[in-house]
C-alpha atoms as a PDB file:
ATOM      1  CA  UNK A   1      25.066 -30.869  41.740  1.00  0.00           C
ATOM      2  CA  UNK A   2      27.241 -28.269  40.029  1.00  0.00           C
ATOM      3  CA  UNK A   3      28.246 -30.873  37.448  1.00  0.00           C
ATOM      4  CA  UNK A   4      24.577 -31.649  36.815  1.00  0.00           C
ATOM      5  CA  UNK A   5      23.694 -27.982  36.370  1.00  0.00           C
ATOM      6  CA  UNK A   6      26.639 -27.507  34.013  1.00  0.00           C
ATOM      7  CA  UNK A   7      25.549 -30.458  31.857  1.00  0.00           C
ATOM      8  CA  UNK A   8      21.942 -29.193  31.874  1.00  0.00           C
ATOM      9  CA  UNK A   9      23.007 -25.692  30.811  1.00  0.00           C
ATOM     10  CA  UNK A  10      25.156 -27.118  27.995  1.00  0.00           C
ATOM     11  CA  UNK A  11      22.196 -29.187  26.816  1.00  0.00           C
ATOM     12  CA  UNK A  12      19.862 -26.165  26.844  1.00  0.00           C
ATOM     13  CA  UNK A  13      22.390 -24.055  24.936  1.00  0.00           C
ATOM     14  CA  UNK A  14      22.850 -26.812  22.330  1.00  0.00           C
ATOM     15  CA  UNK A  15      19.081 -27.216  21.973  1.00  0.00           C
ATOM     16  CA  UNK A  16      18.625 -23.453  21.548  1.00  0.00           C
ATOM     17  CA  UNK A  17      21.266 -23.335  18.821  1.00  0.00           C
ATOM     18  CA  UNK A  18      19.735 -26.337  17.072  1.00  0.00           C
ATOM     19  CA  UNK A  19      16.272 -24.762  17.040  1.00  0.00           C
ATOM     20  CA  UNK A  20      17.681 -21.458  15.854  1.00  0.00           C
ATOM     21  CA  UNK A  21      19.219 -23.200  12.855  1.00  0.00           C
ATOM     22  CA  UNK A  22      16.003 -24.957  11.805  1.00  0.00           C
ATOM     23  CA  UNK A  23      14.248 -23.360   8.810  1.00  0.00           C
ATOM     24  CA  UNK A  24      10.816 -21.969   9.552  1.00  0.00           C
ATOM     25  CA  UNK A  25       7.873 -22.180   7.164  1.00  0.00           C
ATOM     26  CA  UNK A  26       8.390 -18.556   6.122  1.00  0.00           C
ATOM     27  CA  UNK A  27      12.047 -19.163   5.288  1.00  0.00           C
ATOM     28  CA  UNK A  28      11.085 -22.070   3.057  1.00  0.00           C
ATOM     29  CA  UNK A  29       8.634 -19.825   1.252  1.00  0.00           C
ATOM     30  CA  UNK A  30      11.245 -17.096   0.770  1.00  0.00           C
ATOM     31  CA  UNK A  31      13.537 -19.570  -0.990  1.00  0.00           C
ATOM     32  CA  UNK A  32      11.079 -19.882  -3.865  1.00  0.00           C
ATOM     33  CA  UNK A  33      12.125 -18.132  -7.048  1.00  0.00           C
ATOM     34  CA  UNK A  34      10.013 -16.717  -9.854  1.00  0.00           C
ATOM     35  CA  UNK A  35      11.576 -14.852 -12.776  1.00  0.00           C
ATOM     36  CA  UNK A  36      14.864 -15.225 -10.913  1.00  0.00           C
ATOM     37  CA  UNK A  37      13.730 -13.290  -7.824  1.00  0.00           C
ATOM     38  CA  UNK A  38      12.643 -14.411  -4.361  1.00  0.00           C
ATOM     39  CA  UNK A  39       8.904 -14.678  -3.864  1.00  0.00           C
ATOM     40  CA  UNK A  40       6.833 -13.542  -0.886  1.00  0.00           C
ATOM     41  CA  UNK A  41       3.970 -16.036  -0.983  1.00  0.00           C
ATOM     42  CA  UNK A  42       2.360 -14.278   1.987  1.00  0.00           C
ATOM     43  CA  UNK A  43       1.238 -11.672  -0.558  1.00  0.00           C
ATOM     44  CA  UNK A  44      -1.060 -14.252  -2.091  1.00  0.00           C
ATOM     45  CA  UNK A  45      -4.183 -14.238   0.039  1.00  0.00           C
ATOM     46  CA  UNK A  46      -7.285 -16.424  -0.350  1.00  0.00           C
ATOM     47  CA  UNK A  47      -9.515 -13.611  -1.535  1.00  0.00           C
ATOM     48  CA  UNK A  48     -11.795 -12.415  -4.298  1.00  0.00           C
ATOM     49  CA  UNK A  49     -10.981  -9.080  -5.924  1.00  0.00           C
ATOM     50  CA  UNK A  50     -13.532  -7.211  -8.027  1.00  0.00           C
ATOM     51  CA  UNK A  51     -12.313  -4.705 -10.634  1.00  0.00           C
ATOM     52  CA  UNK A  52     -14.260  -2.357 -12.906  1.00  0.00           C
ATOM     53  CA  UNK A  53     -13.054  -1.503 -16.414  1.00  0.00           C
ATOM     54  CA  UNK A  54     -13.120   2.105 -17.592  1.00  0.00           C
ATOM     55  CA  UNK A  55     -12.523   3.622 -21.030  1.00  0.00           C
ATOM     56  CA  UNK A  56     -10.573   6.826 -21.757  1.00  0.00           C
ATOM     57  CA  UNK A  57     -13.593   8.948 -20.747  1.00  0.00           C
ATOM     58  CA  UNK A  58     -13.764   7.127 -17.373  1.00  0.00           C
ATOM     59  CA  UNK A  59     -17.048   5.503 -18.348  1.00  0.00           C
ATOM     60  CA  UNK A  60     -17.504   1.992 -16.936  1.00  0.00           C
ATOM     61  CA  UNK A  61     -17.476  -0.590 -19.726  1.00  0.00           C
ATOM     62  CA  UNK A  62     -16.961  -3.905 -17.932  1.00  0.00           C
ATOM     63  CA  UNK A  63     -15.810  -5.803 -14.883  1.00  0.00           C
ATOM     64  CA  UNK A  64     -13.432  -8.539 -13.778  1.00  0.00           C
ATOM     65  CA  UNK A  65     -13.543 -10.827 -10.753  1.00  0.00           C
ATOM     66  CA  UNK A  66     -10.234 -12.476  -9.859  1.00  0.00           C
ATOM     67  CA  UNK A  67     -10.252 -15.020  -7.050  1.00  0.00           C
ATOM     68  CA  UNK A  68      -7.371 -16.992  -5.567  1.00  0.00           C
ATOM     69  CA  UNK A  69      -7.124 -19.802  -3.017  1.00  0.00           C
ATOM     70  CA  UNK A  70      -4.845 -22.677  -1.980  1.00  0.00           C
ATOM     71  CA  UNK A  71      -5.877 -26.319  -2.130  1.00  0.00           C
ATOM     72  CA  UNK A  72      -3.746 -29.466  -1.680  1.00  0.00           C
ATOM     73  CA  UNK A  73      -0.465 -27.741  -2.492  1.00  0.00           C
ATOM     74  CA  UNK A  74      -1.932 -25.912  -5.468  1.00  0.00           C
ATOM     75  CA  UNK A  75      -2.489 -22.208  -5.966  1.00  0.00           C
ATOM     76  CA  UNK A  76      -5.723 -21.848  -7.914  1.00  0.00           C
ATOM     77  CA  UNK A  77      -6.908 -18.629  -9.553  1.00  0.00           C
ATOM     78  CA  UNK A  78     -10.192 -18.017 -11.342  1.00  0.00           C
ATOM     79  CA  UNK A  79     -10.982 -15.073 -13.558  1.00  0.00           C
ATOM     80  CA  UNK A  80     -14.387 -13.953 -14.846  1.00  0.00           C
ATOM     81  CA  UNK A  81     -14.313 -10.915 -17.152  1.00  0.00           C
ATOM     82  CA  UNK A  82     -17.030  -9.310 -19.249  1.00  0.00           C
ATOM     83  CA  UNK A  83     -17.871  -6.148 -21.162  1.00  0.00           C
ATOM     84  CA  UNK A  84     -21.146  -4.538 -20.164  1.00  0.00           C
ATOM     85  CA  UNK A  85     -22.414  -4.547 -23.766  1.00  0.00           C
ATOM     86  CA  UNK A  86     -22.068  -8.346 -23.947  1.00  0.00           C
ATOM     87  CA  UNK A  87     -19.436  -8.261 -26.706  1.00  0.00           C
ATOM     88  CA  UNK A  88     -16.778 -10.083 -24.653  1.00  0.00           C
ATOM     89  CA  UNK A  89     -17.086 -12.712 -21.945  1.00  0.00           C
ATOM     90  CA  UNK A  90     -14.309 -14.827 -20.434  1.00  0.00           C
ATOM     91  CA  UNK A  91     -13.988 -17.477 -17.762  1.00  0.00           C
ATOM     92  CA  UNK A  92     -10.596 -18.946 -16.876  1.00  0.00           C
ATOM     93  CA  UNK A  93      -8.941 -21.160 -14.294  1.00  0.00           C
ATOM     94  CA  UNK A  94      -5.214 -21.479 -13.619  1.00  0.00           C
ATOM     95  CA  UNK A  95      -3.601 -24.140 -11.414  1.00  0.00           C
ATOM     96  CA  UNK A  96      -0.099 -23.459 -10.098  1.00  0.00           C
ATOM     97  CA  UNK A  97       1.908 -26.162  -8.314  1.00  0.00           C
ATOM     98  CA  UNK A  98       3.604 -24.620  -5.264  1.00  0.00           C
ATOM     99  CA  UNK A  99       5.995 -27.591  -5.071  1.00  0.00           C
ATOM    100  CA  UNK A 100       7.476 -27.395  -8.567  1.00  0.00           C
ATOM    101  CA  UNK A 101       6.598 -23.697  -8.687  1.00  0.00           C
ATOM    102  CA  UNK A 102       5.196 -24.004 -12.191  1.00  0.00           C
ATOM    103  CA  UNK A 103       1.816 -23.284 -13.726  1.00  0.00           C
ATOM    104  CA  UNK A 104       0.604 -26.710 -14.774  1.00  0.00           C
ATOM    105  CA  UNK A 105      -2.987 -26.280 -15.985  1.00  0.00           C
ATOM    106  CA  UNK A 106      -4.794 -23.547 -17.914  1.00  0.00           C
ATOM    107  CA  UNK A 107      -8.453 -23.553 -18.875  1.00  0.00           C
ATOM    108  CA  UNK A 108      -9.885 -20.560 -20.767  1.00  0.00           C
ATOM    109  CA  UNK A 109     -13.319 -20.054 -22.268  1.00  0.00           C
ATOM    110  CA  UNK A 110     -13.746 -16.795 -24.175  1.00  0.00           C
ATOM    111  CA  UNK A 111     -16.497 -15.425 -26.385  1.00  0.00           C
ATOM    112  CA  UNK A 112     -16.058 -12.348 -28.605  1.00  0.00           C
ATOM    113  CA  UNK A 113     -19.335 -11.612 -30.397  1.00  0.00           C
ATOM    114  CA  UNK A 114     -20.128 -14.829 -32.321  1.00  0.00           C
ATOM    115  CA  UNK A 115     -16.687 -16.419 -31.973  1.00  0.00           C
ATOM    116  CA  UNK A 116     -15.800 -18.712 -29.079  1.00  0.00           C
ATOM    117  CA  UNK A 117     -12.350 -19.820 -27.984  1.00  0.00           C
ATOM    118  CA  UNK A 118     -11.709 -22.705 -25.608  1.00  0.00           C
ATOM    119  CA  UNK A 119      -8.189 -23.552 -24.464  1.00  0.00           C
ATOM    120  CA  UNK A 120      -7.417 -26.453 -22.144  1.00  0.00           C
ATOM    121  CA  UNK A 121      -3.740 -27.222 -21.712  1.00  0.00           C
ATOM    122  CA  UNK A 122      -1.418 -29.006 -19.305  1.00  0.00           C
ATOM    123  CA  UNK A 123       2.225 -27.931 -19.123  1.00  0.00           C
ATOM    124  CA  UNK A 124       5.238 -29.803 -17.773  1.00  0.00           C
ATOM    125  CA  UNK A 125       8.903 -28.956 -18.398  1.00  0.00           C
ATOM    126  CA  UNK A 126       7.833 -26.661 -21.280  1.00  0.00           C
ATOM    127  CA  UNK A 127       5.983 -29.532 -22.969  1.00  0.00           C
ATOM    128  CA  UNK A 128       2.416 -28.364 -23.555  1.00  0.00           C
ATOM    129  CA  UNK A 129      -0.472 -30.723 -24.310  1.00  0.00           C
ATOM    130  CA  UNK A 130      -4.170 -30.145 -24.734  1.00  0.00           C
ATOM    131  CA  UNK A 131      -6.775 -28.711 -27.067  1.00  0.00           C
ATOM    132  CA  UNK A 132      -7.278 -25.333 -28.728  1.00  0.00           C
ATOM    133  CA  UNK A 133     -10.851 -25.003 -30.088  1.00  0.00           C
ATOM    134  CA  UNK A 134     -12.303 -22.144 -32.135  1.00  0.00           C
ATOM    135  CA  UNK A 135     -16.069 -22.001 -32.770  1.00  0.00           C
ATOM    136  CA  UNK A 136     -17.393 -19.532 -35.344  1.00  0.00           C
ATOM    137  CA  UNK A 137     -21.166 -19.628 -35.490  1.00  0.00           C
ATOM    138  CA  UNK A 138     -21.721 -23.399 -35.956  1.00  0.00           C
ATOM    139  CA  UNK A 139     -18.266 -24.254 -37.339  1.00  0.00           C
ATOM    140  CA  UNK A 140     -15.903 -25.905 -34.851  1.00  0.00           C
ATOM    141  CA  UNK A 141     -12.166 -26.082 -35.539  1.00  0.00           C
ATOM    142  CA  UNK A 142     -10.031 -28.179 -33.184  1.00  0.00           C
ATOM    143  CA  UNK A 143      -6.244 -27.827 -32.946  1.00  0.00           C
ATOM    144  CA  UNK A 144      -4.602 -30.454 -30.738  1.00  0.00           C
ATOM    145  CA  UNK A 145      -1.649 -29.057 -28.780  1.00  0.00           C
ATOM    146  CA  UNK A 146       1.386 -31.298 -28.320  1.00  0.00           C
ATOM    147  CA  UNK A 147       4.456 -29.125 -28.601  1.00  0.00           C
ATOM    148  CA  UNK A 148       7.634 -28.084 -26.829  1.00  0.00           C
ATOM    149  CA  UNK A 149       7.819 -24.327 -26.263  1.00  0.00           C
ATOM    150  CA  UNK A 150      10.722 -22.263 -24.973  1.00  0.00           C
ATOM    151  CA  UNK A 151       9.314 -19.978 -22.284  1.00  0.00           C
ATOM    152  CA  UNK A 152       9.948 -18.876 -18.702  1.00  0.00           C
ATOM    153  CA  UNK A 153       6.369 -18.356 -17.552  1.00  0.00           C
ATOM    154  CA  UNK A 154       2.841 -18.708 -18.866  1.00  0.00           C
ATOM    155  CA  UNK A 155       1.150 -15.308 -19.195  1.00  0.00           C
ATOM    156  CA  UNK A 156      -1.468 -16.211 -16.595  1.00  0.00           C
ATOM    157  CA  UNK A 157       1.250 -16.429 -13.928  1.00  0.00           C
ATOM    158  CA  UNK A 158       1.932 -12.699 -14.188  1.00  0.00           C
ATOM    159  CA  UNK A 159      -1.313 -11.727 -12.495  1.00  0.00           C
ATOM    160  CA  UNK A 160      -1.025 -14.533  -9.938  1.00  0.00           C
ATOM    161  CA  UNK A 161       2.545 -13.771  -8.806  1.00  0.00           C
ATOM    162  CA  UNK A 162       3.516 -10.285  -9.969  1.00  0.00           C
ATOM    163  CA  UNK A 163       2.738  -8.747  -6.580  1.00  0.00           C
ATOM    164  CA  UNK A 164       4.958 -11.244  -4.713  1.00  0.00           C
ATOM    165  CA  UNK A 165       8.259  -9.754  -5.954  1.00  0.00           C
ATOM    166  CA  UNK A 166      10.319  -7.167  -4.091  1.00  0.00           C
ATOM    167  CA  UNK A 167      10.997  -4.740  -6.936  1.00  0.00           C
ATOM    168  CA  UNK A 168      14.027  -2.462  -6.874  1.00  0.00           C
ATOM    169  CA  UNK A 169      14.332   0.686  -8.997  1.00  0.00           C
ATOM    170  CA  UNK A 170      17.262  -0.771 -10.915  1.00  0.00           C
ATOM    171  CA  UNK A 171      15.434  -3.991 -11.772  1.00  0.00           C
ATOM    172  CA  UNK A 172      14.575  -4.884 -15.345  1.00  0.00           C
ATOM    173  CA  UNK A 173      13.228  -8.418 -15.362  1.00  0.00           C
ATOM    174  CA  UNK A 174      13.307  -9.993 -18.825  1.00  0.00           C
ATOM    175  CA  UNK A 175      11.443 -13.185 -19.671  1.00  0.00           C
ATOM    176  CA  UNK A 176       9.599 -15.177 -22.323  1.00  0.00           C
ATOM    177  CA  UNK A 177       5.872 -15.642 -21.758  1.00  0.00           C
ATOM    178  CA  UNK A 178       3.706 -18.305 -23.380  1.00  0.00           C
ATOM    179  CA  UNK A 179       0.314 -16.844 -24.338  1.00  0.00           C
ATOM    180  CA  UNK A 180      -2.381 -19.575 -24.146  1.00  0.00           C
ATOM    181  CA  UNK A 181      -4.974 -17.687 -26.234  1.00  0.00           C
ATOM    182  CA  UNK A 182      -2.637 -17.590 -29.242  1.00  0.00           C
ATOM    183  CA  UNK A 183      -0.122 -20.346 -28.341  1.00  0.00           C
ATOM    184  CA  UNK A 184       2.739 -17.981 -29.143  1.00  0.00           C
ATOM    185  CA  UNK A 185       5.700 -16.817 -27.045  1.00  0.00           C
ATOM    186  CA  UNK A 186       6.257 -13.127 -26.290  1.00  0.00           C
ATOM    187  CA  UNK A 187       9.520 -11.452 -25.260  1.00  0.00           C
ATOM    188  CA  UNK A 188       8.619  -9.245 -22.301  1.00  0.00           C
ATOM    189  CA  UNK A 189      10.046  -7.401 -19.318  1.00  0.00           C
ATOM    190  CA  UNK A 190       8.930  -5.908 -16.020  1.00  0.00           C
ATOM    191  CA  UNK A 191      10.503  -2.820 -14.560  1.00  0.00           C
ATOM    192  CA  UNK A 192       9.830  -0.618 -11.563  1.00  0.00           C
ATOM    193  CA  UNK A 193       9.153   2.969 -12.654  1.00  0.00           C
ATOM    194  CA  UNK A 194       8.263   5.000  -9.556  1.00  0.00           C
ATOM    195  CA  UNK A 195       6.166   5.247  -6.413  1.00  0.00           C
ATOM    196  CA  UNK A 196       2.709   6.765  -6.648  1.00  0.00           C
ATOM    197  CA  UNK A 197      -0.377   7.171  -4.484  1.00  0.00           C
ATOM    198  CA  UNK A 198      -3.587   6.145  -6.231  1.00  0.00           C
ATOM    199  CA  UNK A 199      -7.234   6.206  -5.219  1.00  0.00           C
ATOM    200  CA  UNK A 200      -9.802   3.655  -6.358  1.00  0.00           C
ATOM    201  CA  UNK A 201     -13.313   2.933  -5.035  1.00  0.00           C
ATOM    202  CA  UNK A 202     -11.593   0.448  -2.668  1.00  0.00           C
ATOM    203  CA  UNK A 203      -9.493   3.167  -1.016  1.00  0.00           C
ATOM    204  CA  UNK A 204      -6.233   5.114  -1.298  1.00  0.00           C
ATOM    205  CA  UNK A 205      -2.998   3.159  -1.671  1.00  0.00           C
ATOM    206  CA  UNK A 206       0.734   3.883  -1.752  1.00  0.00           C
ATOM    207  CA  UNK A 207       1.965   1.866  -4.716  1.00  0.00           C
ATOM    208  CA  UNK A 208       4.914   0.827  -6.802  1.00  0.00           C
ATOM    209  CA  UNK A 209       4.249   1.425 -10.499  1.00  0.00           C
ATOM    210  CA  UNK A 210       5.421  -1.513 -12.605  1.00  0.00           C
ATOM    211  CA  UNK A 211       5.546  -1.479 -16.408  1.00  0.00           C
ATOM    212  CA  UNK A 212       5.016  -4.665 -18.385  1.00  0.00           C
ATOM    213  CA  UNK A 213       6.729  -4.127 -21.749  1.00  0.00           C
ATOM    214  CA  UNK A 214       6.205  -6.613 -24.588  1.00  0.00           C
ATOM    215  CA  UNK A 215       7.023  -7.225 -28.225  1.00  0.00           C
ATOM    216  CA  UNK A 216       3.382  -6.695 -29.235  1.00  0.00           C
ATOM    217  CA  UNK A 217       2.266 -10.327 -28.979  1.00  0.00           C
ATOM    218  CA  UNK A 218       0.477  -9.519 -25.739  1.00  0.00           C
ATOM    219  CA  UNK A 219      -0.758  -6.182 -24.368  1.00  0.00           C
ATOM    220  CA  UNK A 220       1.572  -3.863 -22.511  1.00  0.00           C
ATOM    221  CA  UNK A 221       0.404  -2.912 -19.017  1.00  0.00           C
ATOM    222  CA  UNK A 222       1.086  -0.436 -16.275  1.00  0.00           C
ATOM    223  CA  UNK A 223       0.377  -2.022 -12.910  1.00  0.00           C
ATOM    224  CA  UNK A 224      -0.004  -0.367  -9.507  1.00  0.00           C
ATOM    225  CA  UNK A 225       0.987  -2.727  -6.672  1.00  0.00           C
ATOM    226  CA  UNK A 226       0.595  -1.740  -3.033  1.00  0.00           C
ATOM    227  CA  UNK A 227       3.766  -1.174  -1.048  1.00  0.00           C
ATOM    228  CA  UNK A 228       1.950  -2.374   2.059  1.00  0.00           C
ATOM    229  CA  UNK A 229       2.217  -6.115   2.682  1.00  0.00           C
ATOM    230  CA  UNK A 230       0.549  -8.372   1.786  1.00  0.00           C
ATOM    231  CA  UNK A 231       0.810  -6.654  -1.575  1.00  0.00           C
ATOM    232  CA  UNK A 232      -2.181  -6.363  -3.900  1.00  0.00           C
ATOM    233  CA  UNK A 233      -2.694  -5.171  -7.471  1.00  0.00           C
ATOM    234  CA  UNK A 234      -5.085  -2.212  -7.289  1.00  0.00           C
ATOM    235  CA  UNK A 235      -4.964  -0.767 -10.829  1.00  0.00           C
ATOM    236  CA  UNK A 236      -4.098  -1.906 -14.374  1.00  0.00           C
ATOM    237  CA  UNK A 237      -3.773   0.353 -17.388  1.00  0.00           C
ATOM    238  CA  UNK A 238      -3.560  -0.909 -20.984  1.00  0.00           C
ATOM    239  CA  UNK A 239      -2.133   1.928 -23.142  1.00  0.00           C
ATOM    240  CA  UNK A 240      -3.302   0.585 -26.538  1.00  0.00           C
ATOM    241  CA  UNK A 241      -7.069   0.775 -26.035  1.00  0.00           C
ATOM    242  CA  UNK A 242      -6.624   3.233 -23.130  1.00  0.00           C
ATOM    243  CA  UNK A 243      -8.405   0.788 -20.857  1.00  0.00           C
ATOM    244  CA  UNK A 244      -8.018   0.912 -17.080  1.00  0.00           C
ATOM    245  CA  UNK A 245      -9.131  -1.507 -14.372  1.00  0.00           C
ATOM    246  CA  UNK A 246      -9.570  -0.370 -10.781  1.00  0.00           C
ATOM    247  CA  UNK A 247     -10.056  -2.385  -7.630  1.00  0.00           C
ATOM    248  CA  UNK A 248     -13.595  -1.946  -6.328  1.00  0.00           C
ATOM    249  CA  UNK A 249     -13.558  -4.281  -3.367  1.00  0.00           C
ATOM    250  CA  UNK A 250     -11.694  -7.223  -1.932  1.00  0.00           C
ATOM    251  CA  UNK A 251     -13.033  -9.910   0.342  1.00  0.00           C
ATOM    252  CA  UNK A 252     -11.579 -13.009   1.937  1.00  0.00           C
ATOM    253  CA  UNK A 253     -12.674 -16.278   0.433  1.00  0.00           C
ATOM    254  CA  UNK A 254     -13.458 -19.379   2.463  1.00  0.00           C
ATOM    255  CA  UNK A 255     -10.886 -21.417   0.521  1.00  0.00           C
ATOM    256  CA  UNK A 256     -12.968 -21.807  -2.631  1.00  0.00           C
ATOM    257  CA  UNK A 257     -14.251 -19.541  -5.365  1.00  0.00           C
END
């Protein structure tokens, strides 16, 4: 009987150690890297965030709806942005493969006054294929895309994954970003400036202030990301046109948007 109990105890101890060594789902997620840093995918929630755009006088001039959900191993984000005067309208969809951890599809439709831009590209191992179409009044100009670019991320990824990083004050994250609307590559960096409490119509938030610095090929941004997890972007500021975007409300999606 004592021998049996001893064998049983040894088995239970061995089983406990074996289970303790097995990776959990969260540990697998934490192993993912983006811009060289570990990613907290729990900060990406299936939700729809509504932002209002304000000019330097704090007058509302537009809005943006940014929705995200997961489907069949893909992280899918959709963006609808417009100026209230009708001068700019944009719809976009971005598909990110959570297995390869790469943005693989970008679809953008943008209209600025009488000019329309449509970009539909597929990316794999920095090889980009697709179509870049510019329509001015009734004139359509098509530019097939079949090129190898040297880049680390596609610009669209920044607003899908920026909040998933654990920024440290000493961090300066340098990278090359492919810009789909111009098919150029920008040298850019992210760095953590300070902590700040901000208030938007959605509430008051303790945030980390992150600066996106660029070489001018894409806009520079200041971004306020909540310190509370799951993290969320609550404010953007674009210094050039002195344009700010503030979170108005956030709601859970049912898996689609």
